[in-house]
N, C-alpha and C. Protein backbone atom coordinates (compact mmCIF):
# COMPACT_ATOMS: atom_id res chain seq x y z
N LEU A 1 63.51 125.68 134.54
CA LEU A 1 63.88 125.24 133.16
C LEU A 1 63.08 126.13 132.14
N VAL A 2 63.78 126.84 131.27
CA VAL A 2 63.15 127.61 130.20
C VAL A 2 63.46 126.94 128.88
N VAL A 3 62.36 126.77 128.12
CA VAL A 3 62.40 126.24 126.71
C VAL A 3 62.38 127.42 125.73
N THR A 4 63.47 127.50 124.95
CA THR A 4 63.45 128.49 123.84
C THR A 4 63.13 127.78 122.66
N PRO A 5 62.19 128.23 121.88
CA PRO A 5 61.88 127.64 120.67
C PRO A 5 62.97 127.81 119.58
N GLY A 6 63.09 126.80 118.75
CA GLY A 6 64.09 126.75 117.72
C GLY A 6 63.68 127.55 116.54
N LYS A 7 64.41 127.38 115.40
CA LYS A 7 63.99 127.97 114.20
C LYS A 7 62.67 127.42 113.72
N PRO A 8 61.87 128.27 113.13
CA PRO A 8 60.47 127.80 112.62
C PRO A 8 60.59 126.76 111.63
N SER A 9 59.68 125.70 111.56
CA SER A 9 59.70 124.62 110.73
C SER A 9 58.46 124.65 109.98
N ALA A 10 58.46 124.64 108.63
CA ALA A 10 57.19 124.52 107.79
C ALA A 10 56.60 123.27 108.00
N ALA A 11 57.36 122.16 108.11
CA ALA A 11 56.60 120.77 108.36
C ALA A 11 56.04 120.66 109.70
N SER A 12 56.25 121.54 110.66
CA SER A 12 55.66 121.41 111.98
C SER A 12 54.57 122.53 112.13
N THR A 13 54.49 123.48 111.34
CA THR A 13 53.59 124.64 111.36
C THR A 13 52.23 124.07 110.84
N THR A 14 51.16 124.51 111.59
CA THR A 14 49.86 124.07 111.31
C THR A 14 48.83 125.12 110.96
N ALA A 15 47.75 124.72 110.30
CA ALA A 15 46.74 125.73 109.99
C ALA A 15 45.36 125.03 110.27
N PHE A 16 44.37 125.78 110.78
CA PHE A 16 43.09 125.34 110.97
C PHE A 16 42.12 126.49 110.78
N GLY A 17 40.87 126.03 110.65
CA GLY A 17 39.63 126.97 110.45
C GLY A 17 38.89 126.54 109.32
N GLU A 18 37.58 126.85 109.32
CA GLU A 18 36.71 126.54 108.35
C GLU A 18 37.16 127.05 106.88
N GLY A 19 37.82 128.17 106.96
CA GLY A 19 38.39 128.77 105.65
C GLY A 19 39.33 127.89 104.94
N LEU A 20 39.77 126.78 105.48
CA LEU A 20 40.73 125.85 104.90
C LEU A 20 40.06 124.99 103.78
N CYS A 21 38.70 124.79 104.06
CA CYS A 21 38.07 123.74 103.11
C CYS A 21 36.74 124.38 102.56
N ILE A 22 36.20 125.26 103.11
CA ILE A 22 34.72 125.69 102.63
C ILE A 22 34.67 127.22 102.81
N ALA A 23 34.04 127.87 101.93
CA ALA A 23 33.77 129.26 101.95
C ALA A 23 32.52 129.61 101.11
N THR A 24 32.04 130.81 101.40
CA THR A 24 30.89 131.28 100.58
C THR A 24 31.39 132.54 99.77
N SER A 25 31.00 132.66 98.48
CA SER A 25 31.47 133.68 97.79
C SER A 25 30.95 135.04 98.31
N GLY A 26 31.81 136.03 98.21
CA GLY A 26 31.43 137.37 98.78
C GLY A 26 31.45 137.58 100.38
N THR A 27 31.95 136.53 101.04
CA THR A 27 31.99 136.47 102.51
C THR A 27 33.41 136.18 102.99
N GLN A 28 33.89 137.11 103.96
CA GLN A 28 35.18 136.95 104.30
C GLN A 28 35.46 135.60 105.12
N SER A 29 36.52 134.92 104.85
CA SER A 29 36.91 133.76 105.43
C SER A 29 38.10 133.90 106.27
N VAL A 30 38.52 133.09 107.35
CA VAL A 30 39.58 133.23 108.04
C VAL A 30 40.23 131.93 108.23
N ILE A 31 41.56 131.75 108.18
CA ILE A 31 42.42 130.68 108.54
C ILE A 31 43.39 131.01 109.51
N GLU A 32 43.66 130.28 110.53
CA GLU A 32 44.68 130.49 111.49
C GLU A 32 45.86 129.67 111.33
N ILE A 33 47.06 130.16 111.32
CA ILE A 33 48.29 129.37 111.18
C ILE A 33 48.95 129.60 112.59
N THR A 34 49.58 128.49 113.02
CA THR A 34 50.45 128.40 114.34
C THR A 34 51.83 128.14 113.88
N ALA A 35 52.84 129.04 113.90
CA ALA A 35 54.19 128.79 113.59
C ALA A 35 54.78 127.93 114.62
N LYS A 36 55.59 126.83 114.33
CA LYS A 36 56.15 125.94 115.32
C LYS A 36 57.55 125.47 114.82
N ASP A 37 58.35 125.23 115.87
CA ASP A 37 59.75 124.64 115.50
C ASP A 37 59.58 123.13 115.36
N ALA A 38 60.68 122.49 114.93
CA ALA A 38 60.73 121.03 114.70
C ALA A 38 60.10 120.24 115.88
N PHE A 39 60.16 120.74 117.13
CA PHE A 39 59.67 120.02 118.27
C PHE A 39 58.29 120.37 118.66
N GLY A 40 57.64 121.18 117.84
CA GLY A 40 56.17 121.51 118.05
C GLY A 40 55.97 122.76 119.01
N ASN A 41 57.08 123.47 119.33
CA ASN A 41 57.08 124.69 120.27
C ASN A 41 56.65 125.86 119.39
N ARG A 42 55.76 126.70 119.80
CA ARG A 42 55.26 127.88 119.21
C ARG A 42 56.49 128.89 119.04
N VAL A 43 56.52 129.39 117.86
CA VAL A 43 57.63 130.31 117.46
C VAL A 43 56.97 131.71 117.22
N VAL A 44 57.29 132.69 118.13
CA VAL A 44 56.48 133.93 118.13
C VAL A 44 57.26 135.01 117.34
N GLY A 45 56.44 135.58 116.50
CA GLY A 45 56.76 136.79 115.77
C GLY A 45 57.89 136.72 114.53
N GLY A 46 57.57 137.64 113.54
CA GLY A 46 58.36 137.90 112.57
C GLY A 46 58.64 136.82 111.52
N ASN A 47 57.74 135.85 111.52
CA ASN A 47 57.86 134.71 110.59
C ASN A 47 57.32 135.27 109.25
N ASP A 48 57.99 134.69 108.20
CA ASP A 48 57.49 134.99 106.74
C ASP A 48 56.34 134.02 106.41
N ILE A 49 55.10 134.38 106.47
CA ILE A 49 53.94 133.64 106.20
C ILE A 49 53.43 134.04 104.86
N GLY A 50 53.11 133.12 104.04
CA GLY A 50 52.51 133.39 102.66
C GLY A 50 51.35 132.59 102.45
N ALA A 51 50.42 133.22 101.70
CA ALA A 51 49.14 132.58 101.44
C ALA A 51 48.78 132.76 99.97
N GLN A 52 48.26 131.88 99.28
CA GLN A 52 47.85 132.00 97.85
C GLN A 52 46.54 131.20 97.61
N LEU A 53 45.48 131.74 96.93
CA LEU A 53 44.33 131.06 96.71
C LEU A 53 44.19 131.04 95.12
N LEU A 54 44.13 129.81 94.59
CA LEU A 54 44.14 129.76 93.12
C LEU A 54 42.89 128.84 92.74
N ALA A 55 42.12 129.54 91.86
CA ALA A 55 40.95 128.88 91.25
C ALA A 55 41.28 127.73 90.23
N SER A 56 40.48 126.82 90.06
CA SER A 56 40.85 125.69 89.05
C SER A 56 41.02 126.26 87.60
N ASP A 57 40.57 127.52 87.39
CA ASP A 57 40.74 128.12 86.02
C ASP A 57 41.88 128.95 86.00
N GLY A 58 42.72 129.06 87.13
CA GLY A 58 44.02 129.92 87.17
C GLY A 58 43.81 131.24 87.83
N LEU A 59 42.53 131.61 88.17
CA LEU A 59 42.29 132.95 88.79
C LEU A 59 42.78 132.91 90.18
N LYS A 60 43.59 134.03 90.53
CA LYS A 60 44.13 134.19 91.84
C LYS A 60 43.25 135.10 92.71
N SER A 61 43.07 134.78 93.91
CA SER A 61 42.36 135.66 94.83
C SER A 61 43.29 136.22 96.01
N PRO A 62 43.23 137.38 96.28
CA PRO A 62 44.07 137.97 97.27
C PRO A 62 43.78 137.63 98.72
N ALA A 63 44.78 137.52 99.43
CA ALA A 63 44.72 137.04 100.88
C ALA A 63 45.60 138.03 101.71
N THR A 64 45.21 138.38 102.98
CA THR A 64 45.99 139.18 103.83
C THR A 64 46.47 138.41 104.99
N VAL A 65 47.67 138.61 105.50
CA VAL A 65 48.33 137.90 106.63
C VAL A 65 48.43 138.92 107.72
N THR A 66 47.99 138.48 108.89
CA THR A 66 48.10 139.45 110.16
C THR A 66 48.81 138.57 111.09
N ASP A 67 50.03 139.17 111.64
CA ASP A 67 50.79 138.50 112.78
C ASP A 67 50.16 138.94 113.99
N ASN A 68 49.58 137.97 114.74
CA ASN A 68 49.04 138.26 116.11
C ASN A 68 50.02 138.41 117.16
N GLU A 69 51.26 138.29 116.88
CA GLU A 69 52.43 138.52 117.80
C GLU A 69 52.33 137.45 118.91
N ASP A 70 51.79 136.23 118.67
CA ASP A 70 51.86 135.23 119.72
C ASP A 70 52.20 133.90 119.11
N GLY A 71 52.76 133.98 117.92
CA GLY A 71 53.02 132.75 117.23
C GLY A 71 51.88 132.27 116.24
N THR A 72 50.78 133.17 116.28
CA THR A 72 49.68 132.64 115.31
C THR A 72 49.53 133.83 114.20
N TYR A 73 48.97 133.55 113.19
CA TYR A 73 48.78 134.45 112.15
C TYR A 73 47.32 134.17 111.51
N ASN A 74 46.71 135.16 111.29
CA ASN A 74 45.34 135.09 110.60
C ASN A 74 45.48 135.48 109.07
N ILE A 75 44.87 134.46 108.38
CA ILE A 75 44.83 134.72 106.88
C ILE A 75 43.42 135.05 106.53
N ARG A 76 43.14 136.15 105.98
CA ARG A 76 41.77 136.50 105.62
C ARG A 76 41.63 136.74 104.07
N TYR A 77 40.53 136.16 103.60
CA TYR A 77 40.28 136.26 102.13
C TYR A 77 38.94 136.36 101.88
N THR A 78 38.51 137.02 100.71
CA THR A 78 37.10 136.97 100.31
C THR A 78 37.17 136.60 98.79
N VAL A 79 36.62 135.45 98.54
CA VAL A 79 36.46 134.99 97.12
C VAL A 79 35.22 135.37 96.40
N THR A 80 35.25 135.98 95.28
CA THR A 80 33.99 136.44 94.71
C THR A 80 33.32 135.59 93.74
N VAL A 81 34.01 134.47 93.31
CA VAL A 81 33.51 133.46 92.33
C VAL A 81 33.41 132.10 92.94
N ALA A 82 32.40 131.49 92.91
CA ALA A 82 32.22 130.13 93.36
C ALA A 82 32.99 129.21 92.49
N GLY A 83 33.44 128.06 93.19
CA GLY A 83 34.16 127.03 92.46
C GLY A 83 35.18 126.36 93.39
N LYS A 84 36.03 125.53 92.77
CA LYS A 84 37.10 124.83 93.40
C LYS A 84 38.41 125.63 93.39
N TYR A 85 38.99 125.76 94.55
CA TYR A 85 40.31 126.48 94.78
C TYR A 85 41.30 125.67 95.40
N THR A 86 42.50 126.11 95.31
CA THR A 86 43.57 125.46 96.07
C THR A 86 44.24 126.57 97.01
N VAL A 87 44.41 126.27 98.26
CA VAL A 87 44.90 127.21 99.24
C VAL A 87 46.34 126.82 99.59
N SER A 88 47.36 127.50 99.23
CA SER A 88 48.82 127.18 99.51
C SER A 88 49.20 128.03 100.58
N LEU A 89 49.61 127.58 101.75
CA LEU A 89 50.12 128.27 102.78
C LEU A 89 51.56 127.86 103.04
N ALA A 90 52.42 128.91 103.30
CA ALA A 90 53.84 128.63 103.31
C ALA A 90 54.48 129.36 104.57
N LEU A 91 55.60 128.84 105.02
CA LEU A 91 56.47 129.49 106.04
C LEU A 91 57.86 129.59 105.40
N GLU A 92 58.38 130.84 105.38
CA GLU A 92 59.74 131.00 104.82
C GLU A 92 59.87 130.41 103.46
N GLY A 93 58.70 130.39 102.70
CA GLY A 93 58.71 129.97 101.22
C GLY A 93 58.48 128.43 101.15
N ASN A 94 58.29 127.67 102.19
CA ASN A 94 58.03 126.26 102.11
C ASN A 94 56.55 125.98 102.67
N ASN A 95 55.89 125.03 101.82
CA ASN A 95 54.59 124.64 102.24
C ASN A 95 54.45 124.25 103.65
N ILE A 96 53.48 124.64 104.42
CA ILE A 96 53.37 124.15 105.93
C ILE A 96 52.72 122.64 105.84
N HIS A 97 52.54 122.19 106.94
CA HIS A 97 52.04 120.74 107.12
C HIS A 97 50.66 120.68 106.44
N LYS A 98 50.48 119.75 105.57
CA LYS A 98 49.30 119.30 104.80
C LYS A 98 49.02 120.39 103.63
N SER A 99 49.73 121.45 103.44
CA SER A 99 49.44 122.37 102.40
C SER A 99 50.13 121.81 101.12
N PRO A 100 49.29 121.97 100.03
CA PRO A 100 48.17 122.79 99.71
C PRO A 100 46.76 122.09 100.15
N PHE A 101 45.88 122.92 100.41
CA PHE A 101 44.43 122.47 100.80
C PHE A 101 43.41 122.65 99.71
N SER A 102 42.48 121.87 99.67
CA SER A 102 41.44 121.98 98.65
C SER A 102 40.20 122.78 99.31
N LEU A 103 39.72 123.78 98.64
CA LEU A 103 38.77 124.75 99.06
C LEU A 103 37.56 124.73 98.05
N ASP A 104 36.33 124.52 98.70
CA ASP A 104 35.07 124.62 97.84
C ASP A 104 34.37 125.89 98.27
N VAL A 105 34.30 126.66 97.33
CA VAL A 105 33.63 128.00 97.51
C VAL A 105 32.12 128.00 96.92
N PHE A 106 31.18 128.08 97.71
CA PHE A 106 29.79 127.92 97.29
C PHE A 106 29.29 129.47 96.91
N PRO A 107 28.28 129.51 96.15
CA PRO A 107 27.59 130.81 95.82
C PRO A 107 26.96 131.31 97.03
N ALA A 108 26.91 132.58 97.11
CA ALA A 108 26.12 133.16 98.30
C ALA A 108 24.57 132.94 98.00
N VAL A 109 23.89 132.93 99.09
CA VAL A 109 22.44 132.68 98.94
C VAL A 109 21.76 134.06 98.70
N ALA A 110 21.03 134.11 97.62
CA ALA A 110 20.28 135.29 97.29
C ALA A 110 19.21 135.72 98.28
N GLU A 111 19.02 136.90 98.61
CA GLU A 111 17.96 137.35 99.53
C GLU A 111 16.74 137.79 98.64
N VAL A 112 15.59 137.27 99.16
CA VAL A 112 14.40 137.64 98.36
C VAL A 112 13.67 138.74 99.15
N THR A 113 13.38 139.88 98.55
CA THR A 113 12.63 140.85 99.17
C THR A 113 11.31 141.18 98.52
N ARG A 114 10.25 141.47 99.33
CA ARG A 114 9.00 141.87 98.72
C ARG A 114 8.75 143.30 98.79
N SER A 115 8.18 143.99 97.80
CA SER A 115 7.94 145.37 97.66
C SER A 115 6.45 145.62 97.56
């Protein structure tokens, strides 16, 4: 018996990773998305995945999407200003399961050096 996944479904597609809810300014964060069909089967390759990070003041931060060619995608971003953000993740233009997400970005810890 061979199961062939159906068309990708935004409602079944999931995301996980610390980068969904917490980040440190100036440090790269990663979110992983798994594209799935309506029955929860992984859908491999070529899916249109979108990511947008929006600060409470309207400032947008860029994010890059990498297709891992196994049904998963890595979203990488580096936010430079601490604050509250909304992370919207989409498949084929539709929000995935539980998107948008609330993200808290904390200031980087300053290093103290002695000379």
